[in-house]
Amino acid sequence: MFGASYLPVVCWCVLSPCVQTVLGVLYHISSDFDKSIASFRDATRLRPDDAALWNKLGATQANSSRSADAVQAYQRALQLRPGYVRAQANLAIAYANQGLHQDAVRAYLTTLSHNPAASHVWSYLRISLAHMQREDLVELSHVSGTHAWAAVTSTWRLATRGSLSLSADPVLFVWPSFAFEQQTNVELFRPFFQF
C-alpha cells in the first residue's frame, strides 16, 4: 500500500524527457554508456523533435565506440535543426572515426562555413585530408579563417571537376562519390558533449 502511493511519481519520472535526460547525463558521466543510451533513447521517444537530445544520444553512442549509430542520431538532429553546428561537427567526427574521411571532410567544411575560426575543427579537417592523401588541401587549410575555407572548397571543386555544389539546403553539400582506401576503425576523436 505504501508503494502504491509513489506510483504516480514513478510513472512521471519514467515518462518525463527531462528526467530521462538527467539520467542520461549522469550515466554518461559515470561511463555507463548502455544505460545512458537507453535514457537518451527514452527521452527522444518522449520528445522526438528535440535536436539537442538527438545530439546527446549521438555523442553518447560515439563515446561508446558506436559511431555508425551516432551518425544516425546526428543526422536526425540536423534534420530538426539544419544549422546546428555542434551536431554537424559531431557528425564529421563520427564519420572520421569510421574511416569515412570523404564524408568527414564534407561535414567539417559545412561546420567551418558557419564558424571559420573554429581552430579545433581545422585540425580535425587536416587529419581527414591527410588520410585521403590530400596534402595540397592540408597546406591550403593553414590559411586563416574564411580564406582557408574558400581555398580548400575551391581546390576541392577543381579536383572533382566542379562537382561540389550546394544542395537546396544551404548547410549541406553534395559531393561526388569516390572510392578511397578505408583506414582501420580506430577512434580518432571524441565528440563534443555539451549540455
N, C-alpha and C. Protein backbone atom coordinates (compact mmCIF):
# COMPACT_ATOMS: atom_id res chain seq x y z
N MET A 1 0.82 -1.18 0.00
CA MET A 1 0.00 0.00 0.00
C MET A 1 0.87 1.25 0.00
N PHE A 2 1.97 1.23 0.73
CA PHE A 2 2.87 2.38 0.77
C PHE A 2 3.48 2.62 -0.60
N GLY A 3 3.87 1.53 -1.29
CA GLY A 3 4.48 1.65 -2.62
C GLY A 3 3.51 2.20 -3.65
N ALA A 4 2.23 1.89 -3.52
CA ALA A 4 1.23 2.36 -4.49
C ALA A 4 1.11 3.88 -4.48
N SER A 5 1.38 4.50 -3.34
CA SER A 5 1.26 5.96 -3.28
C SER A 5 2.37 6.65 -4.08
N TYR A 6 3.45 5.95 -4.34
CA TYR A 6 4.55 6.52 -5.13
C TYR A 6 4.41 6.23 -6.61
N LEU A 7 3.44 5.42 -6.99
CA LEU A 7 3.27 5.04 -8.39
C LEU A 7 3.14 6.24 -9.34
N PRO A 8 2.34 7.25 -9.01
CA PRO A 8 2.28 8.41 -9.92
C PRO A 8 3.63 9.11 -10.10
N VAL A 9 4.41 9.17 -9.04
CA VAL A 9 5.72 9.82 -9.12
C VAL A 9 6.65 8.98 -9.99
N VAL A 10 6.62 7.67 -9.82
CA VAL A 10 7.45 6.78 -10.62
C VAL A 10 7.04 6.87 -12.09
N CYS A 11 5.75 6.87 -12.37
CA CYS A 11 5.28 6.99 -13.75
C CYS A 11 5.71 8.31 -14.36
N TRP A 12 5.62 9.40 -13.59
CA TRP A 12 6.03 10.70 -14.10
C TRP A 12 7.51 10.69 -14.43
N CYS A 13 8.31 10.09 -13.55
CA CYS A 13 9.76 10.05 -13.80
C CYS A 13 10.10 9.27 -15.06
N VAL A 14 9.45 8.15 -15.24
CA VAL A 14 9.73 7.30 -16.40
C VAL A 14 9.27 7.99 -17.68
N LEU A 15 8.19 8.76 -17.61
CA LEU A 15 7.62 9.39 -18.80
C LEU A 15 8.07 10.83 -18.99
N SER A 16 9.01 11.28 -18.20
CA SER A 16 9.49 12.66 -18.32
C SER A 16 10.78 12.71 -19.14
N PRO A 17 10.77 13.44 -20.25
CA PRO A 17 12.02 13.55 -21.02
C PRO A 17 13.11 14.28 -20.23
N CYS A 18 12.71 15.18 -19.35
CA CYS A 18 13.70 15.89 -18.52
C CYS A 18 14.42 14.92 -17.58
N VAL A 19 13.65 14.06 -16.95
CA VAL A 19 14.24 13.08 -16.03
C VAL A 19 15.13 12.12 -16.80
N GLN A 20 14.67 11.65 -17.97
CA GLN A 20 15.48 10.74 -18.79
C GLN A 20 16.77 11.42 -19.25
N THR A 21 16.69 12.70 -19.55
CA THR A 21 17.90 13.43 -19.97
C THR A 21 18.89 13.52 -18.82
N VAL A 22 18.40 13.86 -17.63
CA VAL A 22 19.29 13.93 -16.46
C VAL A 22 19.92 12.57 -16.20
N LEU A 23 19.12 11.52 -16.27
CA LEU A 23 19.67 10.17 -16.08
C LEU A 23 20.72 9.86 -17.15
N GLY A 24 20.43 10.23 -18.39
CA GLY A 24 21.39 10.01 -19.47
C GLY A 24 22.71 10.70 -19.21
N VAL A 25 22.63 11.94 -18.74
CA VAL A 25 23.85 12.70 -18.44
C VAL A 25 24.60 12.05 -17.29
N LEU A 26 23.89 11.68 -16.24
CA LEU A 26 24.56 11.06 -15.08
C LEU A 26 25.21 9.73 -15.47
N TYR A 27 24.51 8.93 -16.23
CA TYR A 27 25.09 7.66 -16.68
C TYR A 27 26.30 7.91 -17.59
N HIS A 28 26.19 8.93 -18.43
CA HIS A 28 27.31 9.25 -19.33
C HIS A 28 28.54 9.66 -18.53
N ILE A 29 28.35 10.50 -17.55
CA ILE A 29 29.47 10.96 -16.71
C ILE A 29 30.14 9.78 -16.01
N SER A 30 29.34 8.80 -15.60
CA SER A 30 29.91 7.64 -14.92
C SER A 30 30.35 6.56 -15.90
N SER A 31 30.34 6.87 -17.20
CA SER A 31 30.77 5.96 -18.28
C SER A 31 29.92 4.70 -18.38
N ASP A 32 28.68 4.75 -17.91
CA ASP A 32 27.75 3.65 -18.10
C ASP A 32 26.95 3.96 -19.36
N PHE A 33 27.61 3.74 -20.50
CA PHE A 33 27.07 4.19 -21.77
C PHE A 33 25.80 3.46 -22.19
N ASP A 34 25.68 2.18 -21.87
CA ASP A 34 24.47 1.45 -22.25
C ASP A 34 23.24 2.07 -21.58
N LYS A 35 23.34 2.36 -20.29
CA LYS A 35 22.22 2.98 -19.58
C LYS A 35 22.00 4.41 -20.06
N SER A 36 23.07 5.11 -20.36
CA SER A 36 22.95 6.47 -20.86
C SER A 36 22.22 6.48 -22.20
N ILE A 37 22.61 5.58 -23.09
CA ILE A 37 21.96 5.48 -24.40
C ILE A 37 20.48 5.15 -24.23
N ALA A 38 20.18 4.21 -23.34
CA ALA A 38 18.78 3.85 -23.10
C ALA A 38 17.98 5.05 -22.59
N SER A 39 18.57 5.83 -21.71
CA SER A 39 17.87 7.01 -21.19
C SER A 39 17.66 8.06 -22.27
N PHE A 40 18.69 8.31 -23.09
CA PHE A 40 18.53 9.29 -24.16
C PHE A 40 17.55 8.79 -25.23
N ARG A 41 17.54 7.50 -25.49
CA ARG A 41 16.55 6.96 -26.43
C ARG A 41 15.13 7.17 -25.90
N ASP A 42 14.95 6.91 -24.59
CA ASP A 42 13.65 7.16 -23.99
C ASP A 42 13.28 8.64 -24.11
N ALA A 43 14.24 9.51 -23.86
CA ALA A 43 13.98 10.95 -23.96
C ALA A 43 13.61 11.35 -25.38
N THR A 44 14.29 10.78 -26.38
CA THR A 44 13.97 11.13 -27.77
C THR A 44 12.61 10.55 -28.19
N ARG A 45 12.22 9.43 -27.61
CA ARG A 45 10.88 8.90 -27.89
C ARG A 45 9.81 9.83 -27.31
N LEU A 46 10.10 10.40 -26.15
CA LEU A 46 9.14 11.28 -25.50
C LEU A 46 9.15 12.69 -26.09
N ARG A 47 10.30 13.10 -26.63
CA ARG A 47 10.43 14.42 -27.25
C ARG A 47 11.21 14.25 -28.56
N PRO A 48 10.55 13.69 -29.59
CA PRO A 48 11.25 13.34 -30.83
C PRO A 48 11.72 14.53 -31.67
N ASP A 49 11.24 15.72 -31.39
CA ASP A 49 11.63 16.90 -32.17
C ASP A 49 12.67 17.76 -31.48
N ASP A 50 13.38 17.20 -30.51
CA ASP A 50 14.38 17.95 -29.77
C ASP A 50 15.78 17.61 -30.32
N ALA A 51 16.32 18.52 -31.12
CA ALA A 51 17.63 18.29 -31.75
C ALA A 51 18.74 18.08 -30.73
N ALA A 52 18.69 18.80 -29.62
CA ALA A 52 19.74 18.67 -28.60
C ALA A 52 19.75 17.26 -28.00
N LEU A 53 18.58 16.67 -27.82
CA LEU A 53 18.53 15.30 -27.29
C LEU A 53 19.14 14.31 -28.28
N TRP A 54 18.85 14.50 -29.56
CA TRP A 54 19.43 13.62 -30.58
C TRP A 54 20.95 13.77 -30.61
N ASN A 55 21.44 15.00 -30.42
CA ASN A 55 22.89 15.22 -30.38
C ASN A 55 23.50 14.53 -29.16
N LYS A 56 22.85 14.63 -28.02
CA LYS A 56 23.36 13.95 -26.81
C LYS A 56 23.37 12.44 -26.99
N LEU A 57 22.31 11.91 -27.60
CA LEU A 57 22.28 10.47 -27.89
C LEU A 57 23.46 10.10 -28.79
N GLY A 58 23.67 10.88 -29.85
CA GLY A 58 24.78 10.60 -30.76
C GLY A 58 26.13 10.68 -30.07
N ALA A 59 26.32 11.69 -29.23
CA ALA A 59 27.61 11.84 -28.52
C ALA A 59 27.86 10.66 -27.59
N THR A 60 26.81 10.19 -26.95
CA THR A 60 26.97 9.04 -26.06
C THR A 60 27.28 7.78 -26.87
N GLN A 61 26.61 7.61 -27.99
CA GLN A 61 26.91 6.46 -28.85
C GLN A 61 28.34 6.53 -29.36
N ALA A 62 28.77 7.70 -29.78
CA ALA A 62 30.13 7.85 -30.29
C ALA A 62 31.16 7.61 -29.19
N ASN A 63 30.89 8.10 -28.00
CA ASN A 63 31.83 7.90 -26.90
C ASN A 63 31.91 6.44 -26.47
N SER A 64 30.92 5.64 -26.85
CA SER A 64 30.96 4.22 -26.53
C SER A 64 31.34 3.39 -27.76
N SER A 65 32.07 4.03 -28.68
CA SER A 65 32.59 3.37 -29.89
C SER A 65 31.49 2.84 -30.79
N ARG A 66 30.37 3.54 -30.86
CA ARG A 66 29.26 3.18 -31.76
C ARG A 66 29.02 4.33 -32.74
N SER A 67 30.06 4.67 -33.46
CA SER A 67 30.00 5.84 -34.36
C SER A 67 28.96 5.68 -35.46
N ALA A 68 28.74 4.47 -35.96
CA ALA A 68 27.73 4.28 -37.00
C ALA A 68 26.34 4.64 -36.48
N ASP A 69 26.04 4.24 -35.25
CA ASP A 69 24.77 4.61 -34.64
C ASP A 69 24.70 6.11 -34.40
N ALA A 70 25.83 6.68 -34.01
CA ALA A 70 25.88 8.12 -33.73
C ALA A 70 25.56 8.93 -34.98
N VAL A 71 26.01 8.47 -36.14
CA VAL A 71 25.73 9.18 -37.40
C VAL A 71 24.23 9.36 -37.57
N GLN A 72 23.46 8.32 -37.32
CA GLN A 72 22.01 8.41 -37.48
C GLN A 72 21.41 9.43 -36.51
N ALA A 73 21.89 9.45 -35.29
CA ALA A 73 21.37 10.42 -34.30
C ALA A 73 21.74 11.85 -34.71
N TYR A 74 22.97 12.06 -35.15
CA TYR A 74 23.38 13.41 -35.58
C TYR A 74 22.59 13.85 -36.82
N GLN A 75 22.36 12.93 -37.74
CA GLN A 75 21.59 13.28 -38.93
C GLN A 75 20.17 13.69 -38.55
N ARG A 76 19.59 13.01 -37.58
CA ARG A 76 18.24 13.38 -37.11
C ARG A 76 18.28 14.77 -36.46
N ALA A 77 19.31 15.05 -35.68
CA ALA A 77 19.44 16.38 -35.06
C ALA A 77 19.53 17.45 -36.15
N LEU A 78 20.26 17.16 -37.21
CA LEU A 78 20.42 18.13 -38.30
C LEU A 78 19.15 18.26 -39.15
N GLN A 79 18.37 17.21 -39.23
CA GLN A 79 17.07 17.33 -39.91
C GLN A 79 16.17 18.28 -39.13
N LEU A 80 16.23 18.18 -37.82
CA LEU A 80 15.39 19.02 -36.98
C LEU A 80 15.88 20.47 -36.92
N ARG A 81 17.21 20.63 -36.92
CA ARG A 81 17.80 21.98 -36.85
C ARG A 81 19.01 22.01 -37.78
N PRO A 82 18.80 22.35 -39.05
CA PRO A 82 19.87 22.29 -40.05
C PRO A 82 21.11 23.11 -39.73
N GLY A 83 21.01 24.17 -39.02
CA GLY A 83 22.17 24.99 -38.70
C GLY A 83 22.83 24.64 -37.38
N TYR A 84 22.58 23.45 -36.86
CA TYR A 84 23.09 23.02 -35.55
C TYR A 84 24.57 22.64 -35.72
N VAL A 85 25.43 23.61 -35.47
CA VAL A 85 26.86 23.46 -35.76
C VAL A 85 27.50 22.35 -34.92
N ARG A 86 27.14 22.26 -33.66
CA ARG A 86 27.74 21.22 -32.80
C ARG A 86 27.40 19.83 -33.33
N ALA A 87 26.16 19.60 -33.74
CA ALA A 87 25.79 18.30 -34.29
C ALA A 87 26.52 18.05 -35.60
N GLN A 88 26.73 19.10 -36.41
CA GLN A 88 27.46 18.95 -37.67
C GLN A 88 28.91 18.56 -37.40
N ALA A 89 29.54 19.20 -36.42
CA ALA A 89 30.92 18.85 -36.06
C ALA A 89 31.00 17.43 -35.52
N ASN A 90 30.03 17.07 -34.69
CA ASN A 90 30.00 15.71 -34.14
C ASN A 90 29.80 14.67 -35.25
N LEU A 91 28.97 15.01 -36.23
CA LEU A 91 28.76 14.11 -37.38
C LEU A 91 30.08 13.89 -38.11
N ALA A 92 30.83 14.96 -38.32
CA ALA A 92 32.13 14.85 -39.00
C ALA A 92 33.06 13.92 -38.23
N ILE A 93 33.09 14.09 -36.93
CA ILE A 93 33.95 13.26 -36.08
C ILE A 93 33.52 11.78 -36.16
N ALA A 94 32.21 11.55 -36.14
CA ALA A 94 31.72 10.16 -36.23
C ALA A 94 32.11 9.53 -37.56
N TYR A 95 32.02 10.31 -38.65
CA TYR A 95 32.47 9.79 -39.94
C TYR A 95 33.97 9.47 -39.90
N ALA A 96 34.76 10.39 -39.38
CA ALA A 96 36.22 10.17 -39.32
C ALA A 96 36.56 8.94 -38.49
N ASN A 97 35.85 8.74 -37.40
CA ASN A 97 36.11 7.58 -36.54
C ASN A 97 35.82 6.26 -37.25
N GLN A 98 34.99 6.31 -38.28
CA GLN A 98 34.70 5.11 -39.07
C GLN A 98 35.60 4.98 -40.29
N GLY A 99 36.50 5.95 -40.47
CA GLY A 99 37.37 5.93 -41.64
C GLY A 99 36.69 6.48 -42.88
N LEU A 100 35.56 7.12 -42.73
CA LEU A 100 34.81 7.71 -43.85
C LEU A 100 35.25 9.16 -44.01
N HIS A 101 36.48 9.33 -44.44
CA HIS A 101 37.09 10.66 -44.43
C HIS A 101 36.49 11.61 -45.47
N GLN A 102 36.03 11.09 -46.58
CA GLN A 102 35.37 11.97 -47.56
C GLN A 102 34.12 12.59 -46.94
N ASP A 103 33.31 11.78 -46.28
CA ASP A 103 32.12 12.30 -45.60
C ASP A 103 32.51 13.24 -44.47
N ALA A 104 33.58 12.89 -43.76
CA ALA A 104 34.05 13.74 -42.67
C ALA A 104 34.47 15.11 -43.20
N VAL A 105 35.21 15.14 -44.31
CA VAL A 105 35.64 16.42 -44.89
C VAL A 105 34.43 17.26 -45.25
N ARG A 106 33.45 16.65 -45.88
CA ARG A 106 32.23 17.39 -46.23
C ARG A 106 31.59 18.00 -44.99
N ALA A 107 31.47 17.22 -43.92
CA ALA A 107 30.84 17.71 -42.69
C ALA A 107 31.71 18.77 -42.00
N TYR A 108 33.04 18.58 -42.02
CA TYR A 108 33.92 19.61 -41.43
C TYR A 108 33.80 20.92 -42.19
N LEU A 109 33.77 20.86 -43.53
CA LEU A 109 33.65 22.09 -44.31
C LEU A 109 32.31 22.78 -44.06
N THR A 110 31.26 22.00 -43.89
CA THR A 110 29.96 22.58 -43.55
C THR A 110 30.04 23.27 -42.19
N THR A 111 30.66 22.62 -41.23
CA THR A 111 30.84 23.22 -39.90
C THR A 111 31.62 24.52 -40.01
N LEU A 112 32.71 24.49 -40.76
CA LEU A 112 33.55 25.68 -40.90
C LEU A 112 32.86 26.80 -41.68
N SER A 113 31.89 26.47 -42.52
CA SER A 113 31.15 27.51 -43.22
C SER A 113 30.35 28.36 -42.23
N HIS A 114 30.02 27.78 -41.09
CA HIS A 114 29.31 28.51 -40.03
C HIS A 114 30.26 29.22 -39.08
N ASN A 115 31.44 28.62 -38.87
CA ASN A 115 32.39 29.19 -37.92
C ASN A 115 33.82 28.93 -38.41
N PRO A 116 34.31 29.77 -39.32
CA PRO A 116 35.65 29.56 -39.87
C PRO A 116 36.77 29.72 -38.85
N ALA A 117 36.48 30.28 -37.70
CA ALA A 117 37.51 30.48 -36.67
C ALA A 117 37.67 29.28 -35.75
N ALA A 118 36.94 28.22 -35.96
CA ALA A 118 36.99 27.03 -35.09
C ALA A 118 38.28 26.25 -35.35
N SER A 119 39.34 26.61 -34.64
CA SER A 119 40.66 26.02 -34.91
C SER A 119 40.69 24.51 -34.69
N HIS A 120 39.94 24.01 -33.71
CA HIS A 120 39.93 22.56 -33.48
C HIS A 120 39.31 21.82 -34.66
N VAL A 121 38.32 22.42 -35.31
CA VAL A 121 37.71 21.77 -36.48
C VAL A 121 38.69 21.77 -37.65
N TRP A 122 39.46 22.84 -37.79
CA TRP A 122 40.51 22.86 -38.82
C TRP A 122 41.50 21.72 -38.59
N SER A 123 41.86 21.49 -37.33
CA SER A 123 42.80 20.40 -37.02
C SER A 123 42.23 19.05 -37.42
N TYR A 124 40.95 18.82 -37.08
CA TYR A 124 40.30 17.57 -37.44
C TYR A 124 40.21 17.42 -38.96
N LEU A 125 39.88 18.53 -39.65
CA LEU A 125 39.80 18.51 -41.11
C LEU A 125 41.14 18.09 -41.71
N ARG A 126 42.22 18.66 -41.20
CA ARG A 126 43.55 18.32 -41.72
C ARG A 126 43.86 16.84 -41.57
N ILE A 127 43.44 16.25 -40.47
CA ILE A 127 43.68 14.81 -40.25
C ILE A 127 42.94 13.99 -41.31
N SER A 128 41.68 14.33 -41.56
CA SER A 128 40.92 13.59 -42.58
C SER A 128 41.51 13.81 -43.96
N LEU A 129 41.92 15.04 -44.27
CA LEU A 129 42.54 15.30 -45.57
C LEU A 129 43.84 14.51 -45.72
N ALA A 130 44.61 14.41 -44.65
CA ALA A 130 45.86 13.64 -44.70
C ALA A 130 45.56 12.15 -44.93
N HIS A 131 44.51 11.64 -44.32
CA HIS A 131 44.12 10.24 -44.55
C HIS A 131 43.74 10.02 -46.01
N MET A 132 43.22 11.05 -46.64
CA MET A 132 42.85 10.96 -48.05
C MET A 132 44.02 11.27 -48.97
N GLN A 133 45.19 11.50 -48.39
CA GLN A 133 46.41 11.84 -49.11
C GLN A 133 46.23 13.11 -49.94
N ARG A 134 45.58 14.10 -49.35
CA ARG A 134 45.37 15.39 -50.00
C ARG A 134 46.21 16.45 -49.29
N GLU A 135 47.54 16.27 -49.39
CA GLU A 135 48.46 17.21 -48.75
C GLU A 135 48.30 18.63 -49.31
N ASP A 136 47.89 18.74 -50.58
CA ASP A 136 47.65 20.07 -51.15
C ASP A 136 46.57 20.82 -50.37
N LEU A 137 45.52 20.10 -49.98
CA LEU A 137 44.45 20.73 -49.22
C LEU A 137 44.84 20.96 -47.76
N VAL A 138 45.69 20.07 -47.24
CA VAL A 138 46.20 20.29 -45.88
C VAL A 138 46.96 21.60 -45.84
N GLU A 139 47.82 21.81 -46.82
CA GLU A 139 48.60 23.06 -46.88
C GLU A 139 47.69 24.28 -47.01
N LEU A 140 46.70 24.19 -47.89
CA LEU A 140 45.77 25.32 -48.07
C LEU A 140 44.99 25.62 -46.79
N SER A 141 44.74 24.60 -46.00
CA SER A 141 43.93 24.79 -44.79
C SER A 141 44.65 25.57 -43.70
N HIS A 142 45.95 25.82 -43.89
CA HIS A 142 46.69 26.58 -42.88
C HIS A 142 46.50 28.09 -43.03
N VAL A 143 45.85 28.52 -44.11
CA VAL A 143 45.50 29.93 -44.24
C VAL A 143 44.38 30.19 -43.23
N SER A 144 44.28 31.39 -42.70
CA SER A 144 43.32 31.60 -41.62
C SER A 144 41.90 31.89 -42.10
N GLY A 145 40.93 31.45 -41.30
CA GLY A 145 39.53 31.82 -41.41
C GLY A 145 38.85 31.52 -42.73
N THR A 146 38.03 32.48 -43.17
CA THR A 146 37.21 32.27 -44.36
C THR A 146 38.04 32.09 -45.61
N HIS A 147 39.25 32.66 -45.63
CA HIS A 147 40.12 32.47 -46.80
C HIS A 147 40.51 31.00 -46.94
N ALA A 148 40.80 30.36 -45.83
CA ALA A 148 41.16 28.94 -45.89
C ALA A 148 39.97 28.11 -46.34
N TRP A 149 38.79 28.41 -45.79
CA TRP A 149 37.60 27.66 -46.18
C TRP A 149 37.37 27.80 -47.68
N ALA A 150 37.46 29.02 -48.20
CA ALA A 150 37.26 29.26 -49.63
C ALA A 150 38.33 28.55 -50.46
N ALA A 151 39.58 28.60 -50.01
CA ALA A 151 40.68 27.96 -50.75
C ALA A 151 40.50 26.45 -50.79
N VAL A 152 40.16 25.86 -49.66
CA VAL A 152 40.01 24.40 -49.62
C VAL A 152 38.81 23.97 -50.46
N THR A 153 37.67 24.64 -50.32
CA THR A 153 36.50 24.23 -51.09
C THR A 153 36.69 24.48 -52.58
N SER A 154 37.36 25.58 -52.95
CA SER A 154 37.62 25.85 -54.37
C SER A 154 38.53 24.80 -54.97
N THR A 155 39.60 24.46 -54.28
CA THR A 155 40.53 23.45 -54.78
C THR A 155 39.84 22.09 -54.87
N TRP A 156 39.03 21.78 -53.87
CA TRP A 156 38.31 20.50 -53.91
C TRP A 156 37.37 20.48 -55.10
N ARG A 157 36.69 21.59 -55.37
CA ARG A 157 35.77 21.68 -56.50
C ARG A 157 36.52 21.43 -57.81
N LEU A 158 37.70 22.05 -57.94
CA LEU A 158 38.50 21.85 -59.15
C LEU A 158 38.98 20.41 -59.26
N ALA A 159 39.39 19.84 -58.15
CA ALA A 159 39.91 18.47 -58.16
C ALA A 159 38.81 17.46 -58.50
N THR A 160 37.58 17.82 -58.24
CA THR A 160 36.47 16.90 -58.52
C THR A 160 35.67 17.34 -59.73
N ARG A 161 36.32 18.15 -60.61
CA ARG A 161 35.75 18.62 -61.86
C ARG A 161 34.44 19.39 -61.65
N GLY A 162 34.45 20.24 -60.63
CA GLY A 162 33.32 21.12 -60.40
C GLY A 162 32.10 20.45 -59.81
N SER A 163 32.25 19.25 -59.30
CA SER A 163 31.07 18.54 -58.83
C SER A 163 30.68 18.85 -57.39
N LEU A 164 31.37 19.75 -56.75
CA LEU A 164 30.95 20.20 -55.43
C LEU A 164 29.88 21.25 -55.64
N SER A 165 28.70 21.03 -55.11
CA SER A 165 27.64 22.02 -55.26
C SER A 165 26.81 22.06 -54.00
N LEU A 166 26.17 23.19 -53.78
CA LEU A 166 25.27 23.32 -52.65
C LEU A 166 23.94 22.69 -53.01
N SER A 167 23.36 21.97 -52.07
CA SER A 167 22.04 21.40 -52.30
C SER A 167 20.99 22.46 -51.98
N ALA A 168 19.72 22.09 -52.02
CA ALA A 168 18.64 23.02 -51.68
C ALA A 168 18.79 23.51 -50.25
N ASP A 169 19.33 22.69 -49.39
CA ASP A 169 19.61 23.09 -48.02
C ASP A 169 21.00 23.69 -48.01
N PRO A 170 21.14 24.99 -47.75
CA PRO A 170 22.45 25.63 -47.86
C PRO A 170 23.48 25.13 -46.87
N VAL A 171 23.09 24.30 -45.91
CA VAL A 171 24.04 23.80 -44.93
C VAL A 171 24.71 22.52 -45.43
N LEU A 172 24.05 21.79 -46.31
CA LEU A 172 24.57 20.50 -46.75
C LEU A 172 25.21 20.62 -48.12
N PHE A 173 26.29 19.91 -48.31
CA PHE A 173 26.97 19.87 -49.59
C PHE A 173 26.68 18.55 -50.27
N VAL A 174 26.69 18.56 -51.59
CA VAL A 174 26.58 17.33 -52.37
C VAL A 174 27.95 17.06 -52.94
N TRP A 175 28.51 15.92 -52.63
CA TRP A 175 29.85 15.57 -53.06
C TRP A 175 29.79 14.40 -54.02
N PRO A 176 30.77 14.31 -54.89
CA PRO A 176 30.84 13.14 -55.77
C PRO A 176 31.25 11.92 -54.95
N SER A 177 30.94 10.76 -55.45
CA SER A 177 31.35 9.56 -54.71
C SER A 177 32.71 9.09 -55.24
N PHE A 178 33.57 8.77 -54.35
CA PHE A 178 34.91 8.27 -54.66
C PHE A 178 35.14 6.98 -53.90
N ALA A 179 36.03 6.20 -54.39
CA ALA A 179 36.44 5.00 -53.64
C ALA A 179 37.80 5.29 -53.03
N PHE A 180 37.83 5.54 -51.76
CA PHE A 180 39.08 5.77 -51.05
C PHE A 180 39.39 4.56 -50.20
N GLU A 181 40.66 4.36 -49.97
CA GLU A 181 41.07 3.29 -49.08
C GLU A 181 40.55 3.58 -47.69
N GLN A 182 39.89 2.62 -47.10
CA GLN A 182 39.38 2.80 -45.74
C GLN A 182 40.50 2.50 -44.74
N GLN A 183 40.59 3.35 -43.76
CA GLN A 183 41.57 3.14 -42.70
C GLN A 183 40.96 2.17 -41.68
N THR A 184 41.78 1.69 -40.78
CA THR A 184 41.25 0.81 -39.74
C THR A 184 40.29 1.60 -38.87
N ASN A 185 39.36 0.92 -38.25
CA ASN A 185 38.34 1.56 -37.44
C ASN A 185 38.93 1.93 -36.08
N VAL A 186 39.71 2.99 -36.07
CA VAL A 186 40.35 3.48 -34.86
C VAL A 186 39.66 4.77 -34.46
N GLU A 187 39.35 4.91 -33.20
CA GLU A 187 38.71 6.14 -32.75
C GLU A 187 39.72 7.27 -32.77
N LEU A 188 39.52 8.23 -33.68
CA LEU A 188 40.45 9.33 -33.84
C LEU A 188 40.13 10.50 -32.92
N PHE A 189 38.87 10.74 -32.70
CA PHE A 189 38.45 11.92 -31.96
C PHE A 189 37.35 11.55 -30.99
N ARG A 190 37.12 12.42 -30.05
CA ARG A 190 35.99 12.31 -29.15
C ARG A 190 34.99 13.40 -29.55
N PRO A 191 33.72 13.07 -29.65
CA PRO A 191 32.75 14.12 -29.99
C PRO A 191 32.58 15.11 -28.85
N PHE A 192 32.07 16.26 -29.21
CA PHE A 192 31.76 17.27 -28.21
C PHE A 192 30.54 16.78 -27.46
N PHE A 193 30.50 17.05 -26.18
CA PHE A 193 29.33 16.68 -25.39
C PHE A 193 29.01 17.87 -24.52
N GLN A 194 28.18 18.74 -25.04
CA GLN A 194 27.84 19.96 -24.32
C GLN A 194 26.39 19.90 -23.90
N PHE A 195 26.14 20.31 -22.67
CA PHE A 195 24.77 20.30 -22.15
C PHE A 195 24.18 21.67 -22.13
